[in-house]
């Protein structure tokens, strides 16, 4: 029973630490990043909040400054994820032939926003 509770609470914490398709967890630094151009399931919420920056702030995340060391770390983590996904890529019939749609986050928010979870030591 103790093992079940431990697994339940650890899983519960991780499950609610990152919200939506735009979120990536950096296991090495135990930090969450959110990328506006990866948004999917959270697009309606991002629109409701007034855009990616407001969405991040509503979640308690900090908007990451382009070029900062945290930004560079986010780019590295995203690159690793993309490499892994390319190995296991499948075609998605729900995507239009052009690859773009009215709900494409790259069209909705052409300026990329990256947010991160603050770490306090």
N, C-alpha and C. Protein backbone atom coordinates (compact mmCIF):
# COMPACT_ATOMS: atom_id res chain seq x y z
N UNK A 1 0.82 -1.19 0.00
CA UNK A 1 0.00 0.00 0.00
C UNK A 1 0.86 1.26 0.00
N UNK A 2 1.99 1.23 0.72
CA UNK A 2 2.87 2.39 0.78
C UNK A 2 3.45 2.70 -0.60
N UNK A 3 3.80 1.66 -1.34
CA UNK A 3 4.36 1.86 -2.68
C UNK A 3 3.31 2.49 -3.59
N UNK A 4 2.06 2.01 -3.50
CA UNK A 4 0.98 2.58 -4.30
C UNK A 4 0.81 4.07 -4.02
N UNK A 5 0.80 4.44 -2.75
CA UNK A 5 0.64 5.85 -2.38
C UNK A 5 1.81 6.69 -2.88
N UNK A 6 3.01 6.16 -2.77
CA UNK A 6 4.18 6.89 -3.26
C UNK A 6 4.08 7.11 -4.76
N UNK A 7 3.78 6.06 -5.51
CA UNK A 7 3.64 6.18 -6.96
C UNK A 7 2.50 7.13 -7.32
N UNK A 8 1.39 7.03 -6.59
CA UNK A 8 0.24 7.90 -6.85
C UNK A 8 0.61 9.36 -6.66
N UNK A 9 1.24 9.70 -5.56
CA UNK A 9 1.55 11.10 -5.29
C UNK A 9 2.65 11.64 -6.20
N UNK A 10 3.64 10.84 -6.52
CA UNK A 10 4.68 11.28 -7.45
C UNK A 10 4.08 11.48 -8.83
N UNK A 11 3.26 10.55 -9.29
CA UNK A 11 2.59 10.68 -10.58
C UNK A 11 1.64 11.86 -10.60
N UNK A 12 0.96 12.10 -9.50
CA UNK A 12 0.01 13.21 -9.39
C UNK A 12 0.74 14.54 -9.54
N UNK A 13 1.89 14.67 -8.89
CA UNK A 13 2.66 15.91 -8.96
C UNK A 13 3.15 16.17 -10.37
N UNK A 14 3.68 15.16 -11.04
CA UNK A 14 4.18 15.33 -12.40
C UNK A 14 3.05 15.62 -13.37
N UNK A 15 1.92 14.95 -13.19
CA UNK A 15 0.80 15.12 -14.11
C UNK A 15 0.25 16.54 -14.09
N UNK A 16 0.28 17.20 -12.95
CA UNK A 16 -0.27 18.54 -12.87
C UNK A 16 0.79 19.62 -12.93
N UNK A 17 2.06 19.25 -13.12
CA UNK A 17 3.12 20.24 -13.18
C UNK A 17 3.22 20.90 -14.54
N UNK A 18 2.72 20.29 -15.56
CA UNK A 18 2.85 20.78 -16.92
C UNK A 18 1.52 20.63 -17.63
N UNK A 19 1.08 21.70 -18.27
CA UNK A 19 -0.26 21.70 -18.85
C UNK A 19 -0.20 21.85 -20.36
N UNK A 20 -0.82 20.92 -21.09
CA UNK A 20 -1.00 21.05 -22.53
C UNK A 20 0.10 20.46 -23.38
N UNK A 21 -0.14 20.51 -24.69
CA UNK A 21 0.80 19.95 -25.67
C UNK A 21 2.06 20.78 -25.81
N UNK A 22 2.01 22.04 -25.44
CA UNK A 22 3.17 22.92 -25.59
C UNK A 22 4.19 22.75 -24.49
N UNK A 23 3.94 21.87 -23.57
CA UNK A 23 4.79 21.71 -22.40
C UNK A 23 5.81 20.59 -22.57
N UNK A 24 7.03 20.87 -22.15
CA UNK A 24 8.10 19.87 -22.16
C UNK A 24 8.77 19.91 -20.79
N UNK A 25 9.04 18.73 -20.23
CA UNK A 25 9.73 18.64 -18.95
C UNK A 25 11.20 18.34 -19.17
N UNK A 26 12.04 19.15 -18.57
CA UNK A 26 13.49 18.94 -18.61
C UNK A 26 13.84 18.10 -17.39
N UNK A 27 14.10 16.84 -17.60
CA UNK A 27 14.38 15.93 -16.48
C UNK A 27 15.69 16.24 -15.80
N UNK A 28 16.68 16.68 -16.55
CA UNK A 28 17.99 16.94 -15.97
C UNK A 28 17.95 18.09 -14.97
N UNK A 29 17.19 19.13 -15.29
CA UNK A 29 17.10 20.29 -14.39
C UNK A 29 15.76 20.32 -13.63
N UNK A 30 14.92 19.32 -13.86
CA UNK A 30 13.61 19.24 -13.22
C UNK A 30 12.85 20.57 -13.35
N UNK A 31 12.68 20.98 -14.61
CA UNK A 31 12.02 22.25 -14.91
C UNK A 31 11.08 22.04 -16.09
N UNK A 32 9.94 22.74 -16.06
CA UNK A 32 9.00 22.69 -17.16
C UNK A 32 9.18 23.91 -18.07
N UNK A 33 9.06 23.66 -19.38
CA UNK A 33 9.05 24.73 -20.38
C UNK A 33 7.75 24.64 -21.15
N UNK A 34 7.23 25.78 -21.57
CA UNK A 34 6.04 25.80 -22.42
C UNK A 34 6.38 26.60 -23.67
N UNK A 35 6.07 26.03 -24.86
CA UNK A 35 6.39 26.63 -26.15
C UNK A 35 5.09 26.98 -26.87
N UNK A 36 4.95 28.25 -27.24
CA UNK A 36 3.70 28.68 -27.90
C UNK A 36 3.47 27.97 -29.23
N UNK A 37 4.54 27.66 -29.96
CA UNK A 37 4.37 27.04 -31.27
C UNK A 37 4.11 25.54 -31.18
N UNK A 38 4.11 24.97 -30.00
CA UNK A 38 3.78 23.56 -29.80
C UNK A 38 2.38 23.39 -29.21
N UNK A 39 1.71 24.51 -28.94
CA UNK A 39 0.39 24.48 -28.31
C UNK A 39 -0.58 23.66 -29.16
N UNK A 40 -1.47 22.99 -28.50
CA UNK A 40 -2.48 22.18 -29.19
C UNK A 40 -3.76 22.19 -28.38
N UNK A 41 -3.81 21.33 -27.40
CA UNK A 41 -5.01 21.20 -26.58
C UNK A 41 -5.32 22.46 -25.78
N UNK A 42 -4.34 23.32 -25.58
CA UNK A 42 -4.54 24.51 -24.77
C UNK A 42 -4.82 25.78 -25.58
N UNK A 43 -4.97 25.67 -26.89
CA UNK A 43 -5.14 26.86 -27.74
C UNK A 43 -6.32 27.72 -27.30
N UNK A 44 -7.45 27.11 -26.99
CA UNK A 44 -8.62 27.90 -26.55
C UNK A 44 -8.31 28.68 -25.27
N UNK A 45 -7.59 28.06 -24.36
CA UNK A 45 -7.23 28.74 -23.11
C UNK A 45 -6.23 29.87 -23.36
N UNK A 46 -5.31 29.67 -24.27
CA UNK A 46 -4.33 30.71 -24.60
C UNK A 46 -5.05 31.91 -25.19
N UNK A 47 -5.99 31.65 -26.10
CA UNK A 47 -6.78 32.74 -26.69
C UNK A 47 -7.57 33.48 -25.61
N UNK A 48 -8.19 32.72 -24.72
CA UNK A 48 -9.01 33.31 -23.66
C UNK A 48 -8.17 34.20 -22.73
N UNK A 49 -6.93 33.82 -22.49
CA UNK A 49 -6.05 34.61 -21.62
C UNK A 49 -5.47 35.84 -22.31
N UNK A 50 -5.58 35.89 -23.64
CA UNK A 50 -5.08 37.05 -24.36
C UNK A 50 -3.74 36.85 -25.05
N UNK A 51 -3.32 35.61 -25.18
CA UNK A 51 -2.08 35.31 -25.89
C UNK A 51 -1.11 34.51 -25.03
N UNK A 52 -0.01 34.08 -25.64
CA UNK A 52 0.94 33.20 -24.96
C UNK A 52 1.55 33.78 -23.69
N UNK A 53 1.95 35.03 -23.69
CA UNK A 53 2.58 35.60 -22.49
C UNK A 53 1.60 35.64 -21.32
N UNK A 54 0.39 36.08 -21.59
CA UNK A 54 -0.63 36.12 -20.53
C UNK A 54 -0.97 34.72 -20.04
N UNK A 55 -1.02 33.77 -20.97
CA UNK A 55 -1.29 32.39 -20.60
C UNK A 55 -0.22 31.88 -19.64
N UNK A 56 1.04 32.13 -19.97
CA UNK A 56 2.14 31.69 -19.11
C UNK A 56 2.01 32.29 -17.71
N UNK A 57 1.78 33.59 -17.68
CA UNK A 57 1.67 34.26 -16.39
C UNK A 57 0.49 33.73 -15.57
N UNK A 58 -0.60 33.36 -16.26
CA UNK A 58 -1.76 32.82 -15.54
C UNK A 58 -1.45 31.46 -14.91
N UNK A 59 -0.46 30.76 -15.44
CA UNK A 59 -0.05 29.46 -14.90
C UNK A 59 1.07 29.58 -13.88
N UNK A 60 1.55 30.80 -13.67
CA UNK A 60 2.65 30.99 -12.74
C UNK A 60 4.01 30.75 -13.37
N UNK A 61 4.06 30.71 -14.70
CA UNK A 61 5.33 30.55 -15.40
C UNK A 61 5.93 31.92 -15.70
N UNK A 62 7.19 31.95 -16.02
CA UNK A 62 7.90 33.17 -16.36
C UNK A 62 8.21 33.16 -17.84
N UNK A 63 7.99 34.28 -18.52
CA UNK A 63 8.33 34.38 -19.94
C UNK A 63 9.85 34.39 -20.04
N UNK A 64 10.38 33.52 -20.88
CA UNK A 64 11.82 33.35 -21.04
C UNK A 64 12.36 34.36 -22.04
N UNK A 65 13.42 35.06 -21.67
CA UNK A 65 14.03 36.05 -22.55
C UNK A 65 14.83 35.35 -23.64
N UNK A 66 14.56 35.69 -24.92
CA UNK A 66 15.34 35.09 -26.01
C UNK A 66 16.83 35.37 -25.84
N UNK A 67 17.63 34.34 -26.06
CA UNK A 67 19.07 34.48 -25.95
C UNK A 67 19.63 34.19 -24.57
N UNK A 68 18.77 34.12 -23.55
CA UNK A 68 19.25 33.84 -22.19
C UNK A 68 19.68 32.38 -22.08
N UNK A 69 20.38 32.06 -21.00
CA UNK A 69 20.83 30.68 -20.81
C UNK A 69 19.64 29.73 -20.66
N UNK A 70 18.57 30.20 -20.05
CA UNK A 70 17.37 29.35 -19.91
C UNK A 70 16.73 29.14 -21.27
N UNK A 71 16.71 30.18 -22.12
CA UNK A 71 16.19 30.05 -23.49
C UNK A 71 17.00 29.01 -24.26
N UNK A 72 18.31 29.09 -24.15
CA UNK A 72 19.16 28.14 -24.86
C UNK A 72 18.92 26.71 -24.37
N UNK A 73 18.70 26.55 -23.07
CA UNK A 73 18.40 25.23 -22.52
C UNK A 73 17.07 24.73 -23.09
N UNK A 74 16.08 25.60 -23.18
CA UNK A 74 14.77 25.23 -23.73
C UNK A 74 14.92 24.77 -25.18
N UNK A 75 15.73 25.48 -25.96
CA UNK A 75 15.94 25.11 -27.36
C UNK A 75 16.62 23.74 -27.46
N UNK A 76 17.55 23.48 -26.55
CA UNK A 76 18.25 22.18 -26.55
C UNK A 76 17.27 21.05 -26.22
N UNK A 77 16.42 21.26 -25.22
CA UNK A 77 15.44 20.24 -24.83
C UNK A 77 14.45 20.00 -25.98
N UNK A 78 14.00 21.08 -26.61
CA UNK A 78 13.05 20.93 -27.72
C UNK A 78 13.70 20.18 -28.89
N UNK A 79 14.96 20.47 -29.16
CA UNK A 79 15.67 19.77 -30.24
C UNK A 79 15.75 18.27 -29.95
N UNK A 80 16.04 17.92 -28.71
CA UNK A 80 16.11 16.50 -28.33
C UNK A 80 14.75 15.81 -28.52
N UNK A 81 13.69 16.51 -28.12
CA UNK A 81 12.34 15.95 -28.28
C UNK A 81 12.04 15.75 -29.76
N UNK A 82 12.37 16.75 -30.58
CA UNK A 82 12.10 16.66 -32.03
C UNK A 82 12.86 15.49 -32.65
N UNK A 83 14.10 15.29 -32.23
CA UNK A 83 14.88 14.16 -32.75
C UNK A 83 14.24 12.83 -32.38
N UNK A 84 13.78 12.72 -31.15
CA UNK A 84 13.14 11.50 -30.69
C UNK A 84 11.83 11.27 -31.44
N UNK A 85 11.04 12.33 -31.60
CA UNK A 85 9.76 12.19 -32.29
C UNK A 85 9.94 11.84 -33.76
N UNK A 86 11.01 12.34 -34.38
CA UNK A 86 11.23 12.05 -35.80
C UNK A 86 11.52 10.56 -36.02
N UNK A 87 12.08 9.92 -35.02
CA UNK A 87 12.34 8.48 -35.12
C UNK A 87 11.05 7.67 -35.09
N UNK A 88 10.03 8.23 -34.44
CA UNK A 88 8.76 7.51 -34.27
C UNK A 88 7.61 8.28 -34.89
N UNK A 89 7.84 8.97 -36.00
CA UNK A 89 6.80 9.81 -36.58
C UNK A 89 5.78 8.97 -37.34
N UNK A 90 4.53 9.42 -37.23
CA UNK A 90 3.42 8.80 -37.92
C UNK A 90 2.67 9.89 -38.67
N UNK A 91 2.03 9.55 -39.77
CA UNK A 91 1.26 10.56 -40.49
C UNK A 91 -0.03 10.83 -39.74
N UNK A 92 -0.48 12.07 -39.79
CA UNK A 92 -1.70 12.49 -39.12
C UNK A 92 -2.70 12.93 -40.17
N UNK A 93 -3.77 12.16 -40.36
CA UNK A 93 -4.76 12.46 -41.38
C UNK A 93 -5.59 13.69 -41.04
N UNK A 94 -5.54 14.16 -39.79
CA UNK A 94 -6.34 15.31 -39.40
C UNK A 94 -5.72 16.63 -39.82
N UNK A 95 -4.45 16.62 -40.25
CA UNK A 95 -3.78 17.83 -40.68
C UNK A 95 -4.11 18.09 -42.14
N UNK A 96 -4.43 19.33 -42.46
CA UNK A 96 -4.75 19.67 -43.84
C UNK A 96 -3.53 19.45 -44.72
N UNK A 97 -3.76 19.35 -46.02
CA UNK A 97 -2.68 19.08 -46.97
C UNK A 97 -1.58 20.13 -46.89
N UNK A 98 -1.93 21.39 -46.64
CA UNK A 98 -0.92 22.45 -46.57
C UNK A 98 -0.14 22.39 -45.28
N UNK A 99 -0.68 21.67 -44.27
CA UNK A 99 -0.01 21.61 -42.98
C UNK A 99 -0.37 22.78 -42.09
N UNK A 100 -1.19 23.70 -42.56
CA UNK A 100 -1.58 24.86 -41.78
C UNK A 100 -3.09 24.87 -41.62
N UNK A 101 -3.54 25.40 -40.51
CA UNK A 101 -4.97 25.54 -40.27
C UNK A 101 -5.20 26.77 -39.42
N UNK A 102 -6.47 27.12 -39.22
CA UNK A 102 -6.82 28.28 -38.42
C UNK A 102 -6.38 28.11 -36.96
N UNK A 103 -6.19 26.88 -36.54
CA UNK A 103 -5.78 26.61 -35.16
C UNK A 103 -4.30 26.26 -35.05
N UNK A 104 -3.53 26.56 -36.07
CA UNK A 104 -2.09 26.32 -36.04
C UNK A 104 -1.45 27.40 -35.17
N UNK A 105 -0.79 27.02 -34.07
CA UNK A 105 -0.22 28.02 -33.18
C UNK A 105 0.85 28.90 -33.84
N UNK A 106 1.51 28.38 -34.87
CA UNK A 106 2.52 29.18 -35.56
C UNK A 106 1.89 30.30 -36.37
N UNK A 107 0.64 30.11 -36.77
CA UNK A 107 -0.10 31.15 -37.48
C UNK A 107 -0.77 32.09 -36.48
N UNK A 108 -1.35 31.52 -35.43
CA UNK A 108 -2.01 32.34 -34.41
C UNK A 108 -1.04 33.29 -33.73
N UNK A 109 0.15 32.80 -33.40
CA UNK A 109 1.16 33.59 -32.70
C UNK A 109 2.49 33.44 -33.42
N UNK A 110 2.72 34.26 -34.46
CA UNK A 110 3.94 34.10 -35.26
C UNK A 110 5.24 34.39 -34.48
N UNK A 111 5.14 35.18 -33.43
CA UNK A 111 6.33 35.42 -32.60
C UNK A 111 6.33 34.37 -31.49
N UNK A 112 7.35 33.56 -31.50
CA UNK A 112 7.44 32.44 -30.56
C UNK A 112 7.61 32.93 -29.13
N UNK A 113 6.84 32.34 -28.24
CA UNK A 113 6.96 32.62 -26.81
C UNK A 113 7.35 31.33 -26.11
N UNK A 114 8.36 31.41 -25.26
CA UNK A 114 8.79 30.28 -24.46
C UNK A 114 8.71 30.72 -23.00
N UNK A 115 8.14 29.88 -22.18
CA UNK A 115 8.02 30.19 -20.76
C UNK A 115 8.66 29.06 -19.97
N UNK A 116 9.04 29.38 -18.75
CA UNK A 116 9.67 28.35 -17.92
C UNK A 116 9.19 28.46 -16.48
N UNK A 117 9.36 27.36 -15.79
CA UNK A 117 9.05 27.29 -14.37
C UNK A 117 10.25 27.85 -13.62
N UNK A 118 10.01 28.77 -12.74
CA UNK A 118 11.11 29.32 -11.91
C UNK A 118 11.53 28.28 -10.88
N UNK A 119 12.83 28.21 -10.65
CA UNK A 119 13.37 27.31 -9.64
C UNK A 119 13.98 28.17 -8.54
N UNK A 120 13.57 27.94 -7.33
CA UNK A 120 14.08 28.69 -6.18
C UNK A 120 14.89 27.74 -5.31
N UNK A 121 16.15 28.04 -5.13
CA UNK A 121 17.02 27.17 -4.33
C UNK A 121 17.05 27.61 -2.89
